[in-house]
């Protein structure tokens, strides 16, 4: 006989707090970046410019435009 209680559902354990975004540089997906769901555009840009894969593909050039589509993707135009 089994005397274990049925587990109680707790929403805090199933709530997502981060998402992995594909990062495209000049239209081609080059890497992925995991960010918090509540990240702002400025925070995304700061983290993006610190990522080694992004730095490699920028080749020392500053990005002309960074397009961040929340819950979709990040695009960097060089």
Protein backbone atom coordinates (compact mmCIF):
# COMPACT_ATOMS: atom_id res chain seq x y z
CA UNK A 1 0.00 0.00 0.00
CA UNK A 2 1.24 3.49 -0.89
CA UNK A 3 0.74 6.34 1.59
CA UNK A 4 2.45 9.18 -0.31
CA UNK A 5 0.44 12.38 -0.78
CA UNK A 6 -0.31 13.61 -4.29
CA UNK A 7 2.09 16.47 -5.20
CA UNK A 8 0.70 20.01 -5.02
CA UNK A 9 1.07 22.18 -8.14
CA UNK A 10 3.24 25.26 -7.60
CA UNK A 11 3.35 27.73 -10.49
CA UNK A 12 6.72 29.18 -9.44
CA UNK A 13 8.40 25.96 -10.67
CA UNK A 14 6.94 26.11 -14.19
CA UNK A 15 7.26 29.83 -14.89
CA UNK A 16 9.90 30.73 -17.49
CA UNK A 17 12.39 33.40 -16.50
CA UNK A 18 14.73 33.34 -19.51
CA UNK A 19 14.69 32.66 -23.24
CA UNK A 20 17.35 31.70 -25.77
CA UNK A 21 17.39 34.12 -28.69
CA UNK A 22 19.02 33.44 -32.07
CA UNK A 23 21.47 36.22 -32.97
CA UNK A 24 21.74 37.10 -36.65
CA UNK A 25 24.60 39.23 -37.94
CA UNK A 26 23.98 40.78 -41.36
CA UNK A 27 21.01 38.47 -41.88
CA UNK A 28 22.70 35.16 -41.03
CA UNK A 29 22.22 33.38 -37.73
CA UNK A 30 25.62 33.15 -36.07
CA UNK A 31 25.02 32.37 -32.38
CA UNK A 32 22.45 32.18 -29.58
CA UNK A 33 22.14 34.28 -26.44
CA UNK A 34 20.11 33.41 -23.32
CA UNK A 35 18.49 36.47 -21.77
CA UNK A 36 16.04 37.22 -18.97
CA UNK A 37 12.49 37.77 -20.22
CA UNK A 38 12.38 41.21 -18.60
CA UNK A 39 15.61 42.47 -20.23
CA UNK A 40 15.47 45.95 -21.73
CA UNK A 41 16.81 46.98 -25.14
CA UNK A 42 19.83 48.63 -23.49
CA UNK A 43 20.64 45.54 -21.40
CA UNK A 44 20.38 43.33 -24.50
CA UNK A 45 22.77 45.59 -26.42
CA UNK A 46 25.30 45.58 -23.56
CA UNK A 47 25.24 41.77 -23.26
CA UNK A 48 25.41 41.40 -27.02
CA UNK A 49 28.56 43.51 -27.29
CA UNK A 50 30.27 41.34 -24.63
CA UNK A 51 29.54 38.01 -26.35
CA UNK A 52 32.74 36.52 -27.90
CA UNK A 53 30.93 35.14 -30.98
CA UNK A 54 29.37 38.53 -31.75
CA UNK A 55 32.71 40.32 -31.29
CA UNK A 56 34.31 37.85 -33.71
CA UNK A 57 31.69 38.43 -36.42
CA UNK A 58 31.74 42.23 -36.00
CA UNK A 59 35.43 42.12 -36.94
CA UNK A 60 36.23 45.31 -35.03
CA UNK A 61 33.48 47.35 -36.72
CA UNK A 62 30.76 49.08 -34.71
CA UNK A 63 27.21 47.87 -35.41
CA UNK A 64 25.08 50.28 -37.45
CA UNK A 65 21.86 48.96 -35.96
CA UNK A 66 20.76 46.40 -33.36
CA UNK A 67 17.23 45.11 -33.78
CA UNK A 68 15.79 43.32 -30.74
CA UNK A 69 12.39 41.70 -31.25
CA UNK A 70 11.18 40.60 -27.82
CA UNK A 71 10.55 36.83 -27.61
CA UNK A 72 11.69 36.36 -31.23
CA UNK A 73 15.28 37.23 -32.20
CA UNK A 74 18.16 39.72 -32.25
CA UNK A 75 19.59 41.10 -35.50
CA UNK A 76 22.82 43.07 -35.80
CA UNK A 77 23.52 45.13 -38.93
CA UNK A 78 27.17 45.94 -39.58
